[in-house]
């Protein structure tokens, strides 16, 4: 069994996890790994809060993109459905 520092363990976990995170999300999480175990408790808490703010921004952007794409796919589905009906008639 290998021994890792907190940062190394975090980095390995992020890189090997099978998630739907974007490259930017992974980059944000990897930035946190560089600070884990390197500073005092207050420094680590500060870094975690900064990471949390970045991730909240990413969540808001993903939510906006979801809303935009949701409308697009709904209209696309309706159009394709109508085209199939027209072809079958």
N, C-alpha and C. Protein backbone atom coordinates (compact mmCIF):
# COMPACT_ATOMS: atom_id res chain seq x y z
N UNK A 1 0.85 -1.18 0.00
CA UNK A 1 0.00 0.00 0.00
C UNK A 1 0.89 1.24 0.00
N UNK A 2 0.63 2.14 -0.93
CA UNK A 2 1.44 3.34 -1.05
C UNK A 2 0.93 4.41 -0.10
N UNK A 3 1.86 5.25 0.32
CA UNK A 3 1.49 6.39 1.15
C UNK A 3 1.56 7.65 0.31
N UNK A 4 0.52 8.45 0.38
CA UNK A 4 0.44 9.70 -0.37
C UNK A 4 0.20 10.84 0.60
N UNK A 5 0.66 12.03 0.22
CA UNK A 5 0.28 13.21 0.97
C UNK A 5 -1.18 13.51 0.65
N UNK A 6 -1.77 14.43 1.40
CA UNK A 6 -3.18 14.77 1.17
C UNK A 6 -3.37 15.30 -0.25
N UNK A 7 -2.45 16.15 -0.70
CA UNK A 7 -2.56 16.72 -2.04
C UNK A 7 -2.41 15.67 -3.12
N UNK A 8 -1.46 14.75 -2.94
CA UNK A 8 -1.26 13.69 -3.93
C UNK A 8 -2.46 12.76 -4.00
N UNK A 9 -3.02 12.43 -2.83
CA UNK A 9 -4.20 11.56 -2.80
C UNK A 9 -5.38 12.23 -3.48
N UNK A 10 -5.56 13.53 -3.22
CA UNK A 10 -6.66 14.29 -3.84
C UNK A 10 -6.49 14.32 -5.36
N UNK A 11 -5.26 14.62 -5.81
CA UNK A 11 -4.99 14.70 -7.24
C UNK A 11 -5.23 13.35 -7.92
N UNK A 12 -4.77 12.28 -7.30
CA UNK A 12 -4.97 10.95 -7.87
C UNK A 12 -6.46 10.61 -7.94
N UNK A 13 -7.20 10.94 -6.89
CA UNK A 13 -8.63 10.65 -6.86
C UNK A 13 -9.38 11.42 -7.94
N UNK A 14 -9.02 12.68 -8.14
CA UNK A 14 -9.68 13.50 -9.16
C UNK A 14 -9.37 12.95 -10.55
N UNK A 15 -8.12 12.59 -10.78
CA UNK A 15 -7.72 12.12 -12.10
C UNK A 15 -8.28 10.75 -12.44
N UNK A 16 -8.49 9.90 -11.45
CA UNK A 16 -8.96 8.55 -11.73
C UNK A 16 -10.47 8.39 -11.60
N UNK A 17 -11.15 9.44 -11.11
CA UNK A 17 -12.60 9.32 -10.94
C UNK A 17 -13.29 9.37 -12.29
N UNK A 18 -14.38 8.64 -12.40
CA UNK A 18 -15.16 8.58 -13.63
C UNK A 18 -16.40 9.45 -13.44
N UNK A 19 -16.26 10.73 -13.80
CA UNK A 19 -17.35 11.68 -13.62
C UNK A 19 -17.60 12.43 -14.91
N UNK A 20 -18.61 13.25 -14.88
CA UNK A 20 -18.94 14.09 -16.04
C UNK A 20 -18.39 15.50 -15.87
N UNK A 21 -17.30 15.64 -15.15
CA UNK A 21 -16.71 16.96 -14.95
C UNK A 21 -16.04 17.44 -16.22
N UNK A 22 -16.11 18.74 -16.45
CA UNK A 22 -15.41 19.32 -17.59
C UNK A 22 -13.93 19.46 -17.25
N UNK A 23 -13.14 19.75 -18.26
CA UNK A 23 -11.70 19.94 -18.03
C UNK A 23 -11.45 21.11 -17.08
N UNK A 24 -12.27 22.14 -17.18
CA UNK A 24 -12.12 23.30 -16.29
C UNK A 24 -12.45 22.93 -14.85
N UNK A 25 -13.49 22.10 -14.64
CA UNK A 25 -13.84 21.64 -13.30
C UNK A 25 -12.68 20.84 -12.70
N UNK A 26 -12.12 19.96 -13.50
CA UNK A 26 -11.00 19.13 -13.03
C UNK A 26 -9.81 20.01 -12.70
N UNK A 27 -9.56 21.01 -13.54
CA UNK A 27 -8.45 21.92 -13.28
C UNK A 27 -8.63 22.64 -11.94
N UNK A 28 -9.85 23.08 -11.65
CA UNK A 28 -10.14 23.76 -10.39
C UNK A 28 -9.89 22.83 -9.22
N UNK A 29 -10.34 21.59 -9.32
CA UNK A 29 -10.13 20.63 -8.24
C UNK A 29 -8.65 20.28 -8.07
N UNK A 30 -7.91 20.23 -9.18
CA UNK A 30 -6.48 19.94 -9.09
C UNK A 30 -5.71 21.11 -8.47
N UNK A 31 -6.18 22.34 -8.67
CA UNK A 31 -5.55 23.49 -8.02
C UNK A 31 -5.63 23.34 -6.51
N UNK A 32 -6.75 22.82 -6.03
CA UNK A 32 -6.91 22.60 -4.59
C UNK A 32 -5.90 21.58 -4.08
N UNK A 33 -5.61 20.56 -4.87
CA UNK A 33 -4.70 19.51 -4.43
C UNK A 33 -3.30 20.04 -4.15
N UNK A 34 -2.90 21.10 -4.84
CA UNK A 34 -1.57 21.66 -4.65
C UNK A 34 -1.43 22.34 -3.29
N UNK A 35 -2.55 22.77 -2.71
CA UNK A 35 -2.51 23.48 -1.43
C UNK A 35 -2.76 22.58 -0.23
N UNK A 36 -3.39 21.44 -0.44
CA UNK A 36 -3.71 20.57 0.68
C UNK A 36 -2.43 20.07 1.36
N UNK A 37 -2.36 20.25 2.65
CA UNK A 37 -1.22 19.78 3.42
C UNK A 37 -0.01 20.68 3.33
N UNK A 38 -0.08 21.79 2.57
CA UNK A 38 1.07 22.68 2.40
C UNK A 38 1.02 23.89 3.33
N UNK A 39 -0.17 24.25 3.78
CA UNK A 39 -0.31 25.43 4.62
C UNK A 39 -0.99 25.05 5.93
N UNK A 40 -1.16 26.06 6.78
CA UNK A 40 -1.84 25.82 8.05
C UNK A 40 -3.35 25.67 7.81
N UNK A 41 -4.08 25.43 8.86
CA UNK A 41 -5.52 25.16 8.76
C UNK A 41 -6.25 26.34 8.12
N UNK A 42 -5.92 27.56 8.54
CA UNK A 42 -6.60 28.73 7.99
C UNK A 42 -6.33 28.86 6.49
N UNK A 43 -5.11 28.59 6.08
CA UNK A 43 -4.77 28.65 4.67
C UNK A 43 -5.52 27.63 3.86
N UNK A 44 -5.67 26.43 4.40
CA UNK A 44 -6.40 25.38 3.70
C UNK A 44 -7.88 25.69 3.62
N UNK A 45 -8.43 26.23 4.71
CA UNK A 45 -9.85 26.61 4.70
C UNK A 45 -10.08 27.71 3.67
N UNK A 46 -9.16 28.67 3.60
CA UNK A 46 -9.26 29.75 2.62
C UNK A 46 -9.22 29.18 1.20
N UNK A 47 -8.33 28.26 0.94
CA UNK A 47 -8.22 27.66 -0.39
C UNK A 47 -9.48 26.86 -0.74
N UNK A 48 -10.03 26.16 0.23
CA UNK A 48 -11.27 25.41 0.00
C UNK A 48 -12.42 26.36 -0.32
N UNK A 49 -12.48 27.50 0.38
CA UNK A 49 -13.53 28.47 0.10
C UNK A 49 -13.38 29.07 -1.30
N UNK A 50 -12.14 29.33 -1.71
CA UNK A 50 -11.90 29.85 -3.06
C UNK A 50 -12.34 28.82 -4.10
N UNK A 51 -11.99 27.56 -3.86
CA UNK A 51 -12.39 26.48 -4.77
C UNK A 51 -13.90 26.36 -4.81
N UNK A 52 -14.54 26.49 -3.66
CA UNK A 52 -16.00 26.42 -3.60
C UNK A 52 -16.63 27.53 -4.45
N UNK A 53 -16.07 28.73 -4.37
CA UNK A 53 -16.59 29.85 -5.17
C UNK A 53 -16.44 29.58 -6.66
N UNK A 54 -15.27 29.06 -7.07
CA UNK A 54 -15.07 28.71 -8.47
C UNK A 54 -16.08 27.67 -8.92
N UNK A 55 -16.31 26.65 -8.10
CA UNK A 55 -17.23 25.59 -8.48
C UNK A 55 -18.67 26.08 -8.52
N UNK A 56 -19.03 27.00 -7.63
CA UNK A 56 -20.38 27.58 -7.68
C UNK A 56 -20.58 28.35 -8.98
N UNK A 57 -19.54 29.05 -9.42
CA UNK A 57 -19.62 29.76 -10.70
C UNK A 57 -19.79 28.76 -11.84
N UNK A 58 -19.05 27.65 -11.79
CA UNK A 58 -19.17 26.62 -12.82
C UNK A 58 -20.58 26.02 -12.82
N UNK A 59 -21.15 25.82 -11.66
CA UNK A 59 -22.51 25.26 -11.56
C UNK A 59 -23.51 26.22 -12.18
N UNK A 60 -23.36 27.52 -11.89
CA UNK A 60 -24.28 28.51 -12.46
C UNK A 60 -24.17 28.54 -13.98
N UNK A 61 -22.95 28.47 -14.51
CA UNK A 61 -22.77 28.45 -15.96
C UNK A 61 -23.37 27.19 -16.57
N UNK A 62 -23.18 26.06 -15.92
CA UNK A 62 -23.73 24.80 -16.42
C UNK A 62 -25.26 24.84 -16.41
N UNK A 63 -25.82 25.46 -15.39
CA UNK A 63 -27.28 25.58 -15.30
C UNK A 63 -27.80 26.44 -16.45
N UNK A 64 -27.11 27.55 -16.75
CA UNK A 64 -27.53 28.41 -17.86
C UNK A 64 -27.44 27.66 -19.19
N UNK A 65 -26.37 26.92 -19.38
CA UNK A 65 -26.22 26.17 -20.63
C UNK A 65 -27.28 25.07 -20.73
N UNK A 66 -27.60 24.44 -19.62
CA UNK A 66 -28.64 23.42 -19.62
C UNK A 66 -29.97 24.02 -20.04
N UNK A 67 -30.30 25.18 -19.48
CA UNK A 67 -31.57 25.83 -19.82
C UNK A 67 -31.61 26.19 -21.31
N UNK A 68 -30.49 26.68 -21.83
CA UNK A 68 -30.43 27.04 -23.24
C UNK A 68 -30.58 25.80 -24.12
N UNK A 69 -29.85 24.75 -23.80
CA UNK A 69 -29.90 23.53 -24.60
C UNK A 69 -31.23 22.80 -24.47
N UNK A 70 -31.85 22.91 -23.32
CA UNK A 70 -33.14 22.26 -23.10
C UNK A 70 -34.18 22.78 -24.11
N UNK A 71 -34.21 24.09 -24.30
CA UNK A 71 -35.14 24.68 -25.27
C UNK A 71 -34.81 24.22 -26.68
N UNK A 72 -33.51 24.21 -27.00
CA UNK A 72 -33.08 23.80 -28.32
C UNK A 72 -33.49 22.36 -28.61
N UNK A 73 -33.23 21.44 -27.68
CA UNK A 73 -33.55 20.04 -27.90
C UNK A 73 -35.06 19.80 -27.96
N UNK A 74 -35.82 20.57 -27.22
CA UNK A 74 -37.27 20.45 -27.26
C UNK A 74 -37.79 20.84 -28.65
N UNK A 75 -37.30 21.97 -29.16
CA UNK A 75 -37.71 22.42 -30.50
C UNK A 75 -37.22 21.45 -31.57
N UNK A 76 -36.02 20.94 -31.42
CA UNK A 76 -35.45 19.99 -32.37
C UNK A 76 -36.27 18.69 -32.39
N UNK A 77 -36.64 18.20 -31.22
CA UNK A 77 -37.45 16.99 -31.13
C UNK A 77 -38.81 17.16 -31.78
N UNK A 78 -39.43 18.32 -31.56
CA UNK A 78 -40.73 18.60 -32.16
C UNK A 78 -40.60 18.67 -33.68
N UNK A 79 -39.56 19.32 -34.17
CA UNK A 79 -39.36 19.45 -35.61
C UNK A 79 -39.12 18.09 -36.26
N UNK A 80 -38.29 17.28 -35.64
CA UNK A 80 -38.02 15.94 -36.18
C UNK A 80 -39.28 15.09 -36.15
N UNK A 81 -40.04 15.18 -35.09
CA UNK A 81 -41.30 14.44 -35.00
C UNK A 81 -42.27 14.84 -36.10
N UNK A 82 -42.39 16.14 -36.33
CA UNK A 82 -43.28 16.61 -37.41
C UNK A 82 -42.77 16.15 -38.78
N UNK A 83 -41.46 16.17 -38.97
CA UNK A 83 -40.89 15.71 -40.25
C UNK A 83 -41.20 14.24 -40.48
N UNK A 84 -41.09 13.43 -39.45
CA UNK A 84 -41.39 12.00 -39.57
C UNK A 84 -42.86 11.79 -39.90
N UNK A 85 -43.74 12.54 -39.26
CA UNK A 85 -45.17 12.44 -39.53
C UNK A 85 -45.46 12.82 -40.99
N UNK A 86 -44.86 13.89 -41.45
CA UNK A 86 -45.06 14.34 -42.83
C UNK A 86 -44.57 13.27 -43.82
N UNK A 87 -43.42 12.68 -43.54
CA UNK A 87 -42.88 11.65 -44.41
C UNK A 87 -43.79 10.41 -44.44
N UNK A 88 -44.34 10.03 -43.31
CA UNK A 88 -45.20 8.86 -43.22
C UNK A 88 -46.56 9.09 -43.88
N UNK A 89 -46.99 10.32 -44.00
CA UNK A 89 -48.27 10.62 -44.63
C UNK A 89 -48.08 10.59 -46.09
